N, C-alpha and C. Protein backbone atom coordinates (compact mmCIF):
# COMPACT_ATOMS: atom_id res chain seq x y z
N UNK A 1 4.98 -5.66 -17.18
CA UNK A 1 4.81 -4.24 -17.02
C UNK A 1 5.66 -3.77 -15.83
N UNK A 2 6.48 -2.75 -16.02
CA UNK A 2 7.31 -2.26 -14.91
C UNK A 2 6.45 -1.55 -13.87
N UNK A 3 6.90 -1.55 -12.62
CA UNK A 3 6.13 -0.87 -11.57
C UNK A 3 6.01 0.62 -11.87
N UNK A 4 4.86 1.19 -11.53
CA UNK A 4 4.62 2.61 -11.78
C UNK A 4 4.57 3.41 -10.49
N UNK A 5 4.65 2.74 -9.36
CA UNK A 5 4.58 3.46 -8.10
C UNK A 5 4.86 2.57 -6.91
N UNK A 6 4.65 3.15 -5.76
CA UNK A 6 4.80 2.41 -4.51
C UNK A 6 3.88 3.05 -3.49
N UNK A 7 3.69 2.39 -2.37
CA UNK A 7 2.86 2.96 -1.31
C UNK A 7 3.67 3.07 -0.02
N UNK A 8 3.19 3.92 0.85
CA UNK A 8 3.73 4.03 2.20
C UNK A 8 2.54 3.95 3.15
N UNK A 9 2.66 3.12 4.18
CA UNK A 9 1.60 2.96 5.16
C UNK A 9 2.04 3.61 6.46
N UNK A 10 1.22 4.52 6.96
CA UNK A 10 1.48 5.13 8.27
C UNK A 10 1.01 4.14 9.32
N UNK A 11 1.94 3.41 9.89
CA UNK A 11 1.60 2.34 10.83
C UNK A 11 0.88 2.83 12.07
N UNK A 12 1.04 4.10 12.41
CA UNK A 12 0.36 4.66 13.57
C UNK A 12 -1.16 4.64 13.37
N UNK A 13 -1.61 4.80 12.11
CA UNK A 13 -3.03 4.86 11.83
C UNK A 13 -3.62 3.55 11.32
N UNK A 14 -2.81 2.66 10.78
CA UNK A 14 -3.30 1.41 10.21
C UNK A 14 -3.82 0.49 11.31
N UNK A 15 -5.06 0.00 11.12
CA UNK A 15 -5.64 -0.93 12.10
C UNK A 15 -5.73 -2.35 11.57
N UNK A 16 -5.06 -2.62 10.46
CA UNK A 16 -4.98 -3.98 9.94
C UNK A 16 -6.31 -4.55 9.50
N UNK A 17 -7.20 -3.72 8.98
CA UNK A 17 -8.53 -4.20 8.57
C UNK A 17 -8.47 -5.07 7.32
N UNK A 18 -7.44 -4.87 6.48
CA UNK A 18 -7.26 -5.68 5.29
C UNK A 18 -8.05 -5.24 4.06
N UNK A 19 -8.78 -4.13 4.15
CA UNK A 19 -9.53 -3.66 2.97
C UNK A 19 -8.61 -3.36 1.80
N UNK A 20 -7.47 -2.78 2.07
CA UNK A 20 -6.52 -2.47 0.99
C UNK A 20 -5.99 -3.75 0.35
N UNK A 21 -5.72 -4.75 1.16
CA UNK A 21 -5.21 -6.03 0.66
C UNK A 21 -6.25 -6.69 -0.24
N UNK A 22 -7.50 -6.71 0.20
CA UNK A 22 -8.58 -7.35 -0.56
C UNK A 22 -8.86 -6.64 -1.88
N UNK A 23 -8.67 -5.33 -1.92
CA UNK A 23 -9.06 -4.55 -3.09
C UNK A 23 -7.92 -4.19 -4.03
N UNK A 24 -6.70 -4.58 -3.72
CA UNK A 24 -5.57 -4.27 -4.58
C UNK A 24 -5.65 -5.13 -5.85
N UNK A 25 -5.83 -4.52 -7.02
CA UNK A 25 -5.96 -5.32 -8.24
C UNK A 25 -4.66 -6.03 -8.64
N UNK A 26 -3.53 -5.52 -8.19
CA UNK A 26 -2.24 -6.14 -8.52
C UNK A 26 -1.79 -7.16 -7.48
N UNK A 27 -2.50 -7.24 -6.36
CA UNK A 27 -2.18 -8.20 -5.28
C UNK A 27 -0.76 -8.02 -4.77
N UNK A 28 -0.35 -6.77 -4.53
CA UNK A 28 0.99 -6.50 -4.02
C UNK A 28 0.97 -6.01 -2.58
N UNK A 29 -0.17 -6.12 -1.90
CA UNK A 29 -0.27 -5.71 -0.50
C UNK A 29 -0.59 -6.92 0.37
N UNK A 30 -0.13 -6.86 1.61
CA UNK A 30 -0.42 -7.91 2.58
C UNK A 30 -0.33 -7.30 3.97
N UNK A 31 -0.96 -7.96 4.93
CA UNK A 31 -0.78 -7.56 6.31
C UNK A 31 0.52 -8.19 6.80
N UNK A 32 1.31 -7.41 7.49
CA UNK A 32 2.61 -7.90 7.95
C UNK A 32 2.42 -9.08 8.91
N UNK A 33 3.05 -10.19 8.63
CA UNK A 33 2.91 -11.34 9.53
C UNK A 33 3.77 -11.22 10.79
N UNK A 34 4.75 -10.31 10.79
CA UNK A 34 5.66 -10.23 11.93
C UNK A 34 5.63 -8.90 12.67
N UNK A 35 5.34 -7.81 11.98
CA UNK A 35 5.33 -6.50 12.64
C UNK A 35 3.98 -6.22 13.29
N UNK A 36 4.02 -5.59 14.44
CA UNK A 36 2.81 -5.17 15.14
C UNK A 36 3.01 -3.71 15.51
N UNK A 37 1.99 -2.86 15.21
CA UNK A 37 2.14 -1.45 15.53
C UNK A 37 1.83 -1.18 17.00
N UNK A 38 1.91 0.07 17.41
CA UNK A 38 1.73 0.44 18.82
C UNK A 38 0.34 0.11 19.35
N UNK A 39 -0.63 -0.01 18.46
CA UNK A 39 -2.00 -0.33 18.88
C UNK A 39 -2.28 -1.83 18.87
N UNK A 40 -1.29 -2.63 18.47
CA UNK A 40 -1.44 -4.07 18.50
C UNK A 40 -1.95 -4.69 17.21
N UNK A 41 -1.93 -3.95 16.11
CA UNK A 41 -2.41 -4.46 14.83
C UNK A 41 -1.25 -4.81 13.92
N UNK A 42 -1.50 -5.75 13.02
CA UNK A 42 -0.55 -6.07 11.96
C UNK A 42 -0.81 -5.09 10.82
N UNK A 43 0.10 -4.14 10.57
CA UNK A 43 -0.15 -3.14 9.53
C UNK A 43 0.03 -3.70 8.11
N UNK A 44 -0.59 -3.03 7.17
CA UNK A 44 -0.43 -3.40 5.76
C UNK A 44 0.96 -3.00 5.29
N UNK A 45 1.42 -3.69 4.25
CA UNK A 45 2.71 -3.37 3.67
C UNK A 45 2.72 -3.81 2.21
N UNK A 46 3.56 -3.17 1.42
CA UNK A 46 3.71 -3.57 0.03
C UNK A 46 4.68 -4.73 -0.02
N UNK A 47 4.26 -5.83 -0.66
CA UNK A 47 5.10 -7.03 -0.70
C UNK A 47 5.55 -7.42 -2.10
N UNK A 48 5.08 -6.67 -3.10
CA UNK A 48 5.46 -6.98 -4.47
C UNK A 48 5.88 -5.73 -5.21
N UNK A 49 6.43 -5.92 -6.40
CA UNK A 49 6.92 -4.79 -7.19
C UNK A 49 5.98 -4.36 -8.30
N UNK A 50 4.78 -4.86 -8.35
CA UNK A 50 3.89 -4.57 -9.46
C UNK A 50 2.90 -3.44 -9.23
N UNK A 51 3.15 -2.58 -8.26
CA UNK A 51 2.23 -1.48 -7.96
C UNK A 51 2.08 -0.57 -9.17
N UNK A 52 0.83 -0.31 -9.56
CA UNK A 52 0.55 0.56 -10.69
C UNK A 52 0.16 1.97 -10.25
N UNK A 53 0.20 2.24 -8.96
CA UNK A 53 -0.16 3.54 -8.39
C UNK A 53 -1.61 3.91 -8.71
N UNK A 54 -2.50 2.93 -8.73
CA UNK A 54 -3.91 3.17 -9.03
C UNK A 54 -4.63 3.90 -7.89
N UNK A 55 -4.08 3.81 -6.68
CA UNK A 55 -4.59 4.49 -5.48
C UNK A 55 -5.91 3.92 -4.96
N UNK A 56 -6.29 2.74 -5.39
CA UNK A 56 -7.48 2.12 -4.83
C UNK A 56 -7.29 1.86 -3.34
N UNK A 57 -6.11 1.43 -2.96
CA UNK A 57 -5.83 1.15 -1.55
C UNK A 57 -6.00 2.40 -0.68
N UNK A 58 -5.48 3.53 -1.15
CA UNK A 58 -5.59 4.77 -0.39
C UNK A 58 -7.03 5.26 -0.33
N UNK A 59 -7.77 5.05 -1.40
CA UNK A 59 -9.16 5.49 -1.44
C UNK A 59 -10.03 4.66 -0.51
N UNK A 60 -9.78 3.36 -0.44
CA UNK A 60 -10.62 2.46 0.35
C UNK A 60 -10.25 2.46 1.84
N UNK A 61 -9.06 2.93 2.17
CA UNK A 61 -8.59 2.89 3.56
C UNK A 61 -9.44 3.81 4.45
N UNK A 62 -10.13 3.25 5.44
CA UNK A 62 -11.00 4.07 6.29
C UNK A 62 -10.24 5.00 7.23
N UNK A 63 -8.95 4.78 7.39
CA UNK A 63 -8.16 5.58 8.32
C UNK A 63 -7.15 6.48 7.62
N UNK A 64 -7.21 6.57 6.31
CA UNK A 64 -6.29 7.41 5.53
C UNK A 64 -4.83 7.15 5.91
N UNK A 65 -4.50 5.87 6.03
CA UNK A 65 -3.16 5.48 6.47
C UNK A 65 -2.21 5.21 5.30
N UNK A 66 -2.70 5.30 4.07
CA UNK A 66 -1.88 4.94 2.90
C UNK A 66 -1.64 6.16 2.02
N UNK A 67 -0.38 6.33 1.64
CA UNK A 67 0.00 7.35 0.68
C UNK A 67 0.58 6.65 -0.53
N UNK A 68 0.14 7.07 -1.72
CA UNK A 68 0.60 6.46 -2.96
C UNK A 68 1.58 7.40 -3.63
N UNK A 69 2.71 6.87 -4.06
CA UNK A 69 3.73 7.63 -4.77
C UNK A 69 3.83 7.10 -6.19
N UNK A 70 3.73 7.99 -7.17
CA UNK A 70 3.82 7.60 -8.57
C UNK A 70 5.20 7.96 -9.09
N UNK A 71 5.85 7.01 -9.77
CA UNK A 71 7.16 7.27 -10.34
C UNK A 71 7.03 8.21 -11.53
N UNK A 72 7.99 9.10 -11.71
CA UNK A 72 8.01 9.99 -12.86
C UNK A 72 8.46 9.21 -14.08
N UNK A 73 7.87 9.54 -15.21
CA UNK A 73 8.32 8.94 -16.46
C UNK A 73 9.58 9.63 -16.91
N UNK A 74 10.51 8.86 -17.42
CA UNK A 74 11.75 9.46 -17.93
C UNK A 74 11.49 10.02 -19.31
N UNK A 75 12.06 11.18 -19.58
CA UNK A 75 11.87 11.83 -20.88
C UNK A 75 12.61 11.06 -21.96
N UNK A 76 11.99 10.96 -23.11
CA UNK A 76 12.63 10.29 -24.24
C UNK A 76 13.70 11.21 -24.81
N UNK A 77 14.84 10.62 -25.14
CA UNK A 77 15.97 11.42 -25.65
C UNK A 77 16.01 11.36 -27.15
């Protein structure tokens, strides 16, 4: 199945709690092993291409740090 979306994490607000990682049904999120934000947390990031734009990660995030972008479908010619 081709990817249907992607996410963006506002690292300023992410506290690295991992709820989004645990609840992602496609398993395309992870906490960054190398980046640390200004507050000292490892922020979440998208690590795979299988995002379905289900928005579970954004819904479960207690800090509203995730924005989900859905790709537009191309019109059939």
